[in-house]
Structure formats: C-alpha cells, structure tokens
Amino acid sequence: MKILHTSDWHLGKSIHGQSLDADQEHAVLAIERELSKGYRALLIAGDVFDRAVPPTSAMELLSGFLERVSSRGTHVIIIPGNHDNPERLDFASGIIGKQGVHLRCRYESCFEPMVLEENGEKVQVFALPFVEDAVVRERFPDAELPDHASAVGHLISRMKEAMVPGVPSILVAHEYTGRDVVSSDSERELLVGNHGRVPTELFSGFDYVALGHLHGPQTASRENNAVYSGSILQYSFSEHAHEKGMVSLTVEDGQVSSDKVRIEPLKKMTYIEDRLDNILSDPKYDPFSKDYISVSLTDTGQLFDIQTRLRQRFSNLLEVKIPHLMKDRADPGSVRKAMDSPRELFSLFLDRFGWDDPLKRERAIVLFEDARARTERSFRRGSE
C-alpha cells in the first residue's frame, strides 16, 4: 500500500506582492500526477492555507483538487497547521468525510484512528491538529498541562491507548521539534528559544511520523522515524537551496518505508550576490532569467536606475539589496537637524550613495535645487 506525505501547501501565499497562484497550481497538479500512480491515501500535515481567511483562488484550487482525487478513491487526511483556522477548515467535514476527505480539526476526534486497507496490508493513521495549549487545557480540564510539550504528550498518550495491536501506525502532526532542525524565513515565528518545542521521544511507538511546520525537508528523528516533508514550494529566498517535494510511503509486510519524490517548480527562488555590471552581463546568470530573483549588490560606488536595468534581464525580480548602504546608515541626529533644510537633507542622501566627487556633487545639488524650486512654483499655482 502506498501513502503520500506532504505538508505546508500555504495556498494563497504571495511574496513581495507577487501572487503565487500559478506556481501553486503547478505544484498541486504535480502532487495529483504522483497520486495517480496508485496511492491509497494523501496526508497533508498542516498549513493548507497561508492565512486563516484564504482568498477565493486558494479555496477553489483546493476544492477542485479534492474533488478530482477523492473521485478516484484516494483518501485525503488533512490537519490544520498554525496558519490555518481549524473552525473554517472543519466546515462540512461530516459530509466530505463520506467522500474520503478526512478533516481532523478537533482534538476530540484525533483519538480515533483511520484504518486503511489495500492488497492485504493494513495501517492505522492518527491525525493530530496543531496544538494550541490553552485550547487543550480548556478541553481537558482534569489533565495537568503546564506547557506545550505536556499538552502534546497528553493527546499522543490518548492516541496510543486507542492503537490497534499488531497494525502499523502513522502519526500526522504539525509541530516544531527544535534542536537540530533547520528553519527558514517564511515560517511564522511562534516560539521563543525552545518554548513550544516537542521532544521527539513523544513520537515513540509510531512506525512513521509525518510532520509539517518546517519548510526544509529533513529528518527530525531517525530513531522515531519522524520526518518533515517540507513545503511544496520555496516560500522565501532563504529557501533557495531547498529541493522541494513529498515523501512516498510504502506499507509492506507490516513495515513502513519511505522515499523522496521531487516537485519541479514552475519558477525557482534564486539569490544572486555580485556587482551590478556582472549581474547584467555575465552569461552564467542566463539560466535564471525567468526565476523569482533576489539581488544583493556588492558595489560601493554610485548606481543609477537599478531596478529598471535588472528587470530588463530578470522579469520576475522581487528584491534588491545594497548591503553597504545598510551598514552606513546616516546618524539619526544629523537627519533630524537636516529636516528643516532640503539642501542639507539631500546632501546626506548623496553621502549615503558615496557621491564624493566635488564637481558631480555640486552639479547634483544645483539640479536638486532647481527641481525643488519648479515643484514648489507648480504646487503654488495649483493651490491658487
């Protein structure tokens, strides 16, 4: 029996104002093609949507996907992540559950495993919604739950009590295991230090733990076979080196084994650090012309019309950084003193961009003063 583990779809996400609808549709169709190879079930380990109230395009993409996949007899098991609204996601769960789409958004429902069978193999799947400590304490007032780990541990212990002996088990969860895991900029930071970290020892007793939350595909615990499938797309430039995909699970002779399956993106996130002239002319950057691009310029001299020039080569330019300008910020006191003098304020601007040549600097100031005077005259005429 084959089962596909995915997580962190983040449907409806945009980056630097750029919609990722087409990219996400491309990735979802890749998942659908993989499922057509004879999978019994799909696991989505949280963060189906990027925000609690997703845009219509994201809802339509998920709805169409679920309709097509479930019509082929493939079960889909979904839990909410920290980006999802569990109440909204749980809408009509009773009805669509009869079609093989199982939404596990309530803690009370996570103690009852879904038993999947095919070709003489059997597996029990437990699904744990993203754990909010306060909500768990409210639902289980008799339990002593001082922190996040104890809240997760309480729910998992209840699951283990419901396990069917002799049947391999899978846990689907959206949790942060800390320690050696690798995170990225696109993951919403909910934790301070290791507060909220779940010890992987809690996962002992399951044959496979399908994790979501961290976007980099990685193993959280070899001993407990706990794995992050990672997000289906690169969702920040800090993820530009991630190879995104999903995990294909095979249940055979009572054992669960896994293999990685790559998702080839419609466009990659590419980070380029170099001098502007090199970026614009070096042939080695040709393969990235259609990617989403972040540029970090190493130039320290004067630069003109940067965005326009870069966009002529990279149509999907999303970000430009000039690190040396960030290091040499103007003194706040000097800026405050210059606020009443446009000429002095413009002079600070020239300082920041390294305009040290006296002749060019004076010419720039003359042009600035002339433009400012014409603008003021035009404004006064418009106000009369």
Protein backbone atom coordinates (compact mmCIF):
# COMPACT_ATOMS: atom_id res chain seq x y z
CA MET A 1 0.00 0.00 0.00
CA LYS A 2 1.33 3.46 -0.91
CA ILE A 3 0.68 6.70 1.01
CA LEU A 4 1.92 10.19 0.08
CA HIS A 5 3.12 12.59 2.82
CA THR A 6 3.01 16.34 2.10
CA SER A 7 2.73 19.49 4.19
CA ASP A 8 2.81 23.28 4.16
CA TRP A 9 0.99 23.99 0.92
CA HIS A 10 0.32 27.62 2.01
CA LEU A 11 -2.26 28.14 -0.71
CA GLY A 12 -2.98 31.83 -1.28
CA LYS A 13 0.53 32.96 -0.40
CA SER A 14 2.25 35.86 -2.13
CA ILE A 15 5.87 37.05 -1.89
CA HIS A 16 6.85 40.71 -2.14
CA GLY A 17 3.41 41.36 -3.62
CA GLN A 18 3.81 38.64 -6.26
CA SER A 19 0.91 36.17 -6.39
CA LEU A 20 1.98 32.52 -6.41
CA ASP A 21 -1.34 31.17 -7.69
CA ALA A 22 0.13 29.77 -10.92
CA ASP A 23 3.12 28.28 -9.11
CA GLN A 24 0.90 26.61 -6.53
CA GLU A 25 -1.44 25.22 -9.15
CA HIS A 26 1.61 23.76 -10.91
CA ALA A 27 2.77 22.09 -7.65
CA VAL A 28 -0.70 20.78 -6.79
CA LEU A 29 -1.02 19.22 -10.25
CA ALA A 30 2.37 17.55 -9.70
CA ILE A 31 1.01 16.04 -6.47
CA GLU A 32 -2.08 14.89 -8.34
CA ARG A 33 0.04 13.21 -11.01
CA GLU A 34 2.03 11.40 -8.34
CA LEU A 35 -1.18 10.20 -6.66
CA SER A 36 -2.34 8.72 -9.97
CA LYS A 37 0.44 6.13 -9.65
CA GLY A 38 -1.65 4.04 -7.27
CA TYR A 39 -1.63 5.72 -3.86
CA ARG A 40 -4.19 4.73 -1.28
CA ALA A 41 -4.03 8.00 0.67
CA LEU A 42 -2.60 11.50 0.79
CA LEU A 43 -1.50 13.15 4.07
CA ILE A 44 -1.41 16.96 4.36
CA ALA A 45 0.37 17.75 7.64
CA GLY A 46 -0.95 21.27 8.21
CA ASP A 47 -0.75 24.80 6.77
CA VAL A 48 -3.01 24.00 3.86
CA PHE A 49 -3.67 27.73 3.50
CA ASP A 50 -1.32 30.63 4.16
CA ARG A 51 -3.75 32.53 6.37
CA ALA A 52 -6.85 31.99 8.45
CA VAL A 53 -9.13 33.57 5.82
CA PRO A 54 -7.75 32.37 2.47
CA PRO A 55 -8.50 34.08 -0.85
CA THR A 56 -11.12 32.58 -3.16
CA SER A 57 -8.45 31.40 -5.63
CA ALA A 58 -6.84 29.25 -2.91
CA MET A 59 -10.14 27.71 -1.86
CA GLU A 60 -11.07 26.93 -5.47
CA LEU A 61 -7.68 25.30 -6.10
CA LEU A 62 -8.03 23.02 -3.05
CA SER A 63 -11.69 22.26 -3.76
CA GLY A 64 -11.02 21.18 -7.35
CA PHE A 65 -8.07 19.07 -6.30
CA LEU A 66 -10.01 17.27 -3.53
CA GLU A 67 -12.94 16.61 -5.85
CA ARG A 68 -10.75 15.02 -8.53
CA VAL A 69 -8.59 12.98 -6.16
CA SER A 70 -11.41 11.67 -3.96
CA SER A 71 -13.43 10.64 -7.04
CA ARG A 72 -10.65 8.16 -7.84
CA GLY A 73 -10.98 6.52 -4.43
CA THR A 74 -7.88 8.11 -2.86
CA HIS A 75 -8.31 9.05 0.80
CA VAL A 76 -7.09 12.51 1.86
CA ILE A 77 -6.26 13.17 5.51
CA ILE A 78 -5.81 16.82 6.49
CA ILE A 79 -4.90 18.53 9.76
CA PRO A 80 -4.79 22.30 10.40
CA GLY A 81 -1.43 23.98 10.95
CA ASN A 82 -0.65 27.22 12.77
CA HIS A 83 -1.58 29.25 9.65
CA ASP A 84 -4.99 27.59 9.28
CA ASN A 85 -8.24 28.41 11.05
CA PRO A 86 -9.36 24.99 12.36
CA GLU A 87 -13.03 26.01 12.60
CA ARG A 88 -13.15 27.23 9.00
CA LEU A 89 -11.19 24.24 7.73
CA ASP A 90 -13.56 21.90 9.55
CA PHE A 91 -16.59 23.20 7.66
CA ALA A 92 -18.72 20.38 6.24
CA SER A 93 -16.19 17.78 7.46
CA GLY A 94 -19.01 15.29 8.16
CA ILE A 95 -20.28 15.46 4.59
CA ILE A 96 -16.97 15.41 2.73
CA GLY A 97 -15.65 12.72 5.08
CA LYS A 98 -18.06 10.31 3.41
CA GLN A 99 -16.24 11.04 0.14
CA GLY A 100 -12.87 10.06 1.59
CA VAL A 101 -11.65 13.54 2.60
CA HIS A 102 -10.93 13.38 6.34
CA LEU A 103 -10.52 16.71 8.11
CA ARG A 104 -9.11 16.22 11.60
CA CYS A 105 -9.51 19.67 13.15
CA ARG A 106 -10.90 18.78 16.61
CA TYR A 107 -8.81 17.32 19.40
CA GLU A 108 -11.62 15.01 20.46
CA SER A 109 -11.56 13.28 17.07
CA CYS A 110 -7.83 12.60 16.97
CA PHE A 111 -8.01 9.57 19.28
CA GLU A 112 -9.85 7.50 16.71
CA PRO A 113 -7.51 6.16 14.00
CA MET A 114 -8.44 5.91 10.35
CA VAL A 115 -7.69 2.36 9.25
CA LEU A 116 -6.65 2.00 5.60
CA GLU A 117 -6.53 -1.36 3.83
CA GLU A 118 -5.24 -2.46 0.44
CA ASN A 119 -3.68 -5.59 -1.07
CA GLY A 120 -3.81 -7.40 2.25
CA GLU A 121 -1.93 -4.60 4.01
CA LYS A 122 -3.40 -2.51 6.81
CA VAL A 123 -2.27 0.72 8.50
CA GLN A 124 -3.82 2.94 11.19
CA VAL A 125 -3.42 6.71 10.78
CA PHE A 126 -3.72 9.10 13.73
CA ALA A 127 -4.06 12.81 12.93
CA LEU A 128 -3.11 15.49 15.48
CA PRO A 129 -4.27 19.07 14.74
CA PHE A 130 -1.80 21.88 15.54
CA VAL A 131 -1.77 22.01 19.32
CA GLU A 132 -2.82 25.26 20.99
CA ASP A 133 -2.03 24.83 24.69
CA ALA A 134 -4.86 26.99 26.05
CA VAL A 135 -7.48 25.21 23.96
CA VAL A 136 -6.24 21.76 25.02
CA ARG A 137 -6.33 22.79 28.71
CA GLU A 138 -9.89 24.01 28.24
CA ARG A 139 -10.99 20.77 26.55
CA PHE A 140 -9.26 18.52 29.10
CA PRO A 141 -9.54 20.38 32.43
CA ASP A 142 -8.70 17.31 34.53
CA ALA A 143 -5.24 16.94 32.98
CA GLU A 144 -2.22 18.83 34.33
CA LEU A 145 -0.72 20.54 31.27
CA PRO A 146 1.79 23.23 32.30
CA ASP A 147 3.47 23.62 28.89
CA HIS A 148 3.23 22.81 25.20
CA ALA A 149 5.12 19.52 25.38
CA SER A 150 2.81 18.22 28.10
CA ALA A 151 -0.28 19.21 26.07
CA VAL A 152 1.05 17.37 23.01
CA GLY A 153 2.11 14.45 25.18
CA HIS A 154 -1.35 14.13 26.72
CA LEU A 155 -3.03 13.92 23.32
CA ILE A 156 -0.48 11.45 21.96
CA SER A 157 -0.80 9.22 25.04
CA ARG A 158 -4.56 9.05 24.43
CA MET A 159 -3.85 8.04 20.82
CA LYS A 160 -1.53 5.25 21.91
CA GLU A 161 -4.27 3.88 24.15
CA ALA A 162 -6.50 3.57 21.07
CA MET A 163 -3.88 1.82 18.91
CA VAL A 164 -4.89 -1.48 17.34
CA PRO A 165 -2.17 -4.00 18.33
CA GLY A 166 -0.22 -5.57 15.50
CA VAL A 167 -1.19 -2.93 12.92
CA PRO A 168 1.49 -0.46 11.73
CA SER A 169 0.75 3.13 12.73
CA ILE A 170 1.32 6.59 11.26
CA LEU A 171 1.00 9.89 13.12
CA VAL A 172 0.31 13.12 11.21
CA ALA A 173 1.31 16.23 13.20
CA HIS A 174 2.23 19.89 12.74
CA GLU A 175 4.87 20.54 15.39
CA TYR A 176 8.30 22.06 15.97
CA THR A 177 10.88 19.59 17.26
CA GLY A 178 13.74 22.08 17.69
CA ARG A 179 17.36 21.16 18.31
CA ASP A 180 18.95 20.09 15.04
CA VAL A 181 16.15 21.04 12.65
CA VAL A 182 16.64 23.77 10.05
CA SER A 183 14.07 26.56 9.72
CA SER A 184 13.63 29.39 7.19
CA ASP A 185 12.39 32.98 6.98
CA SER A 186 8.95 32.01 5.64
CA GLU A 187 7.92 30.03 8.72
CA ARG A 188 5.86 32.09 11.10
CA GLU A 189 7.92 32.51 14.28
CA LEU A 190 5.79 31.41 17.19
CA LEU A 191 8.49 30.28 19.56
CA VAL A 192 11.00 31.99 21.82
CA GLY A 193 14.07 29.84 22.29
CA ASN A 194 12.87 26.28 22.79
CA HIS A 195 9.48 27.23 24.24
CA GLY A 196 6.94 25.19 22.30
CA ARG A 197 9.46 22.56 21.25
CA VAL A 198 8.18 18.99 21.23
CA PRO A 199 10.68 16.29 22.24
CA THR A 200 10.82 13.62 19.54
CA GLU A 201 10.67 10.99 22.28
CA LEU A 202 6.94 11.65 22.43
CA PHE A 203 6.65 10.06 18.98
CA SER A 204 7.97 6.68 20.08
CA GLY A 205 5.59 3.82 19.32
CA PHE A 206 4.56 5.01 15.86
CA ASP A 207 6.03 3.40 12.77
CA TYR A 208 6.20 6.73 10.93
CA VAL A 209 5.56 10.34 11.97
CA ALA A 210 4.50 12.62 9.09
CA LEU A 211 5.45 16.12 10.25
CA GLY A 212 4.60 19.56 8.95
CA HIS A 213 5.63 23.11 10.01
CA LEU A 214 9.27 23.36 8.88
CA HIS A 215 9.71 24.12 5.19
CA GLY A 216 13.01 22.34 4.69
CA PRO A 217 12.64 18.59 4.03
CA GLN A 218 14.53 16.83 6.82
CA THR A 219 14.53 14.03 9.35
CA ALA A 220 13.57 15.17 12.85
CA SER A 221 14.36 11.81 14.48
CA ARG A 222 15.80 8.70 12.84
CA GLU A 223 15.11 6.68 15.97
CA ASN A 224 11.40 7.53 15.86
CA ASN A 225 11.16 7.76 12.05
CA ALA A 226 9.85 11.34 12.30
CA VAL A 227 10.18 13.27 9.02
CA TYR A 228 9.35 16.76 7.75
CA SER A 229 8.28 16.52 4.11
CA GLY A 230 8.88 20.27 3.77
CA SER A 231 6.75 22.79 1.91
CA ILE A 232 5.66 22.10 -1.67
CA LEU A 233 7.35 25.28 -2.96
CA GLN A 234 10.17 27.61 -1.99
CA TYR A 235 8.42 30.33 0.00
CA SER A 236 11.31 32.69 0.75
CA PHE A 237 14.75 33.40 -0.64
CA SER A 238 16.24 31.73 2.44
CA GLU A 239 14.84 28.51 0.93
CA HIS A 240 16.55 28.94 -2.45
CA ALA A 241 18.75 25.87 -1.86
CA HIS A 242 15.86 23.62 -0.74
CA GLU A 243 14.84 20.79 -3.04
CA LYS A 244 11.08 20.66 -2.54
CA GLY A 245 8.93 17.59 -2.77
CA MET A 246 6.98 14.98 -0.85
CA VAL A 247 7.56 11.63 0.83
CA SER A 248 6.27 8.40 -0.68
CA LEU A 249 5.49 5.79 1.98
CA THR A 250 5.16 2.07 1.29
CA VAL A 251 3.44 -0.23 3.76
CA GLU A 252 4.56 -3.79 3.10
CA ASP A 253 4.69 -6.85 5.38
CA GLY A 254 3.75 -4.67 8.34
CA GLN A 255 6.68 -2.28 7.77
CA VAL A 256 6.68 1.38 6.66
CA SER A 257 9.46 2.55 4.33
CA SER A 258 9.89 5.95 2.68
CA ASP A 259 11.35 7.61 -0.44
CA LYS A 260 11.60 11.24 -1.50
CA VAL A 261 9.70 12.48 -4.55
CA ARG A 262 10.81 15.80 -6.06
CA ILE A 263 8.43 18.59 -7.14
CA GLU A 264 9.92 20.58 -10.02
CA PRO A 265 8.75 24.20 -9.53
CA LEU A 266 7.32 26.42 -12.21
CA LYS A 267 9.85 29.08 -11.14
CA LYS A 268 12.68 28.79 -8.63
CA MET A 269 13.70 31.27 -5.96
CA THR A 270 17.19 32.43 -6.95
CA TYR A 271 19.54 34.56 -4.88
CA ILE A 272 22.33 36.44 -6.68
CA GLU A 273 25.17 38.31 -4.98
CA ASP A 274 27.55 40.20 -7.27
CA ARG A 275 28.42 43.55 -8.79
CA LEU A 276 25.67 45.13 -10.89
CA ASP A 277 27.69 45.11 -14.15
CA ASN A 278 28.48 41.40 -13.70
CA ILE A 279 24.87 40.52 -12.99
CA LEU A 280 23.73 42.36 -16.12
CA SER A 281 26.36 40.87 -18.46
CA ASP A 282 27.73 37.55 -17.18
CA PRO A 283 26.31 34.58 -19.19
CA LYS A 284 26.29 32.40 -16.06
CA TYR A 285 23.14 34.22 -14.96
CA ASP A 286 21.26 33.47 -18.19
CA PRO A 287 19.53 30.31 -16.82
CA PHE A 288 17.87 32.39 -14.09
CA SER A 289 16.16 34.93 -16.35
CA LYS A 290 12.64 33.59 -15.60
CA ASP A 291 13.16 32.75 -11.90
CA TYR A 292 12.00 34.78 -8.92
CA ILE A 293 15.10 36.84 -8.19
CA SER A 294 16.64 38.44 -5.11
CA VAL A 295 19.74 40.51 -5.82
CA SER A 296 22.37 41.61 -3.32
CA LEU A 297 24.71 44.18 -4.89
CA THR A 298 28.33 44.27 -3.77
CA ASP A 299 29.01 47.66 -5.43
CA THR A 300 30.12 50.52 -3.21
CA GLY A 301 30.02 53.31 -5.79
CA GLN A 302 27.24 55.24 -7.47
CA LEU A 303 24.41 53.22 -9.03
CA PHE A 304 21.61 54.50 -11.25
CA ASP A 305 18.24 53.12 -12.30
CA ILE A 306 18.99 49.77 -10.66
CA GLN A 307 15.51 48.22 -10.72
CA THR A 308 14.80 49.09 -14.35
CA ARG A 309 18.13 47.70 -15.57
CA LEU A 310 17.78 44.49 -13.57
CA ARG A 311 14.19 43.93 -14.71
CA GLN A 312 15.32 44.05 -18.34
CA ARG A 313 17.24 40.86 -17.61
CA PHE A 314 15.09 39.33 -14.84
CA SER A 315 11.38 39.86 -15.47
CA ASN A 316 10.50 38.37 -12.06
CA LEU A 317 12.85 40.50 -9.97
CA LEU A 318 11.34 40.72 -6.46
CA GLU A 319 14.05 42.14 -4.23
CA VAL A 320 17.20 44.28 -4.43
CA LYS A 321 19.56 44.76 -1.50
CA ILE A 322 22.61 47.02 -1.25
CA PRO A 323 24.35 45.83 1.93
CA HIS A 324 26.94 48.61 2.17
CA LEU A 325 24.16 51.19 2.41
CA MET A 326 22.59 49.30 5.28
CA LYS A 327 25.89 49.34 7.15
CA ASP A 328 26.48 53.05 6.66
CA ARG A 329 23.19 54.46 7.90
CA ALA A 330 23.06 58.21 8.44
CA ASP A 331 23.27 59.39 12.02
CA PRO A 332 19.67 59.97 13.28
CA GLY A 333 20.74 63.25 14.91
CA SER A 334 22.10 64.57 11.63
CA VAL A 335 18.90 63.63 9.83
CA ARG A 336 16.76 65.46 12.42
CA LYS A 337 18.89 68.60 12.11
CA ALA A 338 18.63 68.49 8.31
CA MET A 339 14.83 68.09 8.25
CA ASP A 340 14.28 71.86 8.03
CA SER A 341 16.76 72.24 5.16
CA PRO A 342 16.01 70.31 1.97
CA ARG A 343 19.52 71.10 0.71
CA GLU A 344 21.17 69.56 3.79
CA LEU A 345 18.84 66.56 3.66
CA PHE A 346 19.73 65.97 0.01
CA SER A 347 23.40 66.31 0.92
CA LEU A 348 23.01 63.46 3.44
CA PHE A 349 21.36 61.42 0.68
CA LEU A 350 24.43 61.97 -1.53
CA ASP A 351 26.68 60.96 1.35
CA ARG A 352 24.86 57.68 1.67
CA PHE A 353 25.37 56.90 -2.02
CA GLY A 354 29.06 57.80 -1.95
CA TRP A 355 28.96 60.99 -4.03
CA ASP A 356 32.45 62.22 -3.03
CA ASP A 357 33.47 63.93 -6.29
CA PRO A 358 33.11 67.71 -5.57
CA LEU A 359 32.12 68.70 -9.12
CA LYS A 360 29.49 65.95 -9.52
CA ARG A 361 28.19 66.64 -6.01
CA GLU A 362 27.76 70.35 -6.65
CA ARG A 363 26.08 69.68 -10.02
CA ALA A 364 23.64 67.26 -8.34
CA ILE A 365 22.77 69.82 -5.67
CA VAL A 366 22.15 72.51 -8.31
CA LEU A 367 19.82 70.18 -10.23
CA PHE A 368 18.04 69.26 -7.00
CA GLU A 369 17.51 72.91 -6.01
CA ASP A 370 16.23 73.73 -9.49
CA ALA A 371 13.79 70.80 -9.48
CA ARG A 372 12.61 71.69 -5.97
CA ALA A 373 12.01 75.32 -6.94
CA ARG A 374 9.99 74.34 -10.04
CA THR A 375 7.94 71.87 -7.99
CA GLU A 376 7.14 74.48 -5.37
CA ARG A 377 6.07 77.00 -8.06
CA SER A 378 3.86 74.40 -9.71
CA PHE A 379 2.31 73.49 -6.33
CA ARG A 380 1.57 77.12 -5.52
CA ARG A 381 -0.13 77.65 -8.88
CA GLY A 382 -2.21 74.57 -8.34
CA SER A 383 -3.28 75.80 -4.92
CA GLU A 384 -4.39 79.25 -6.06
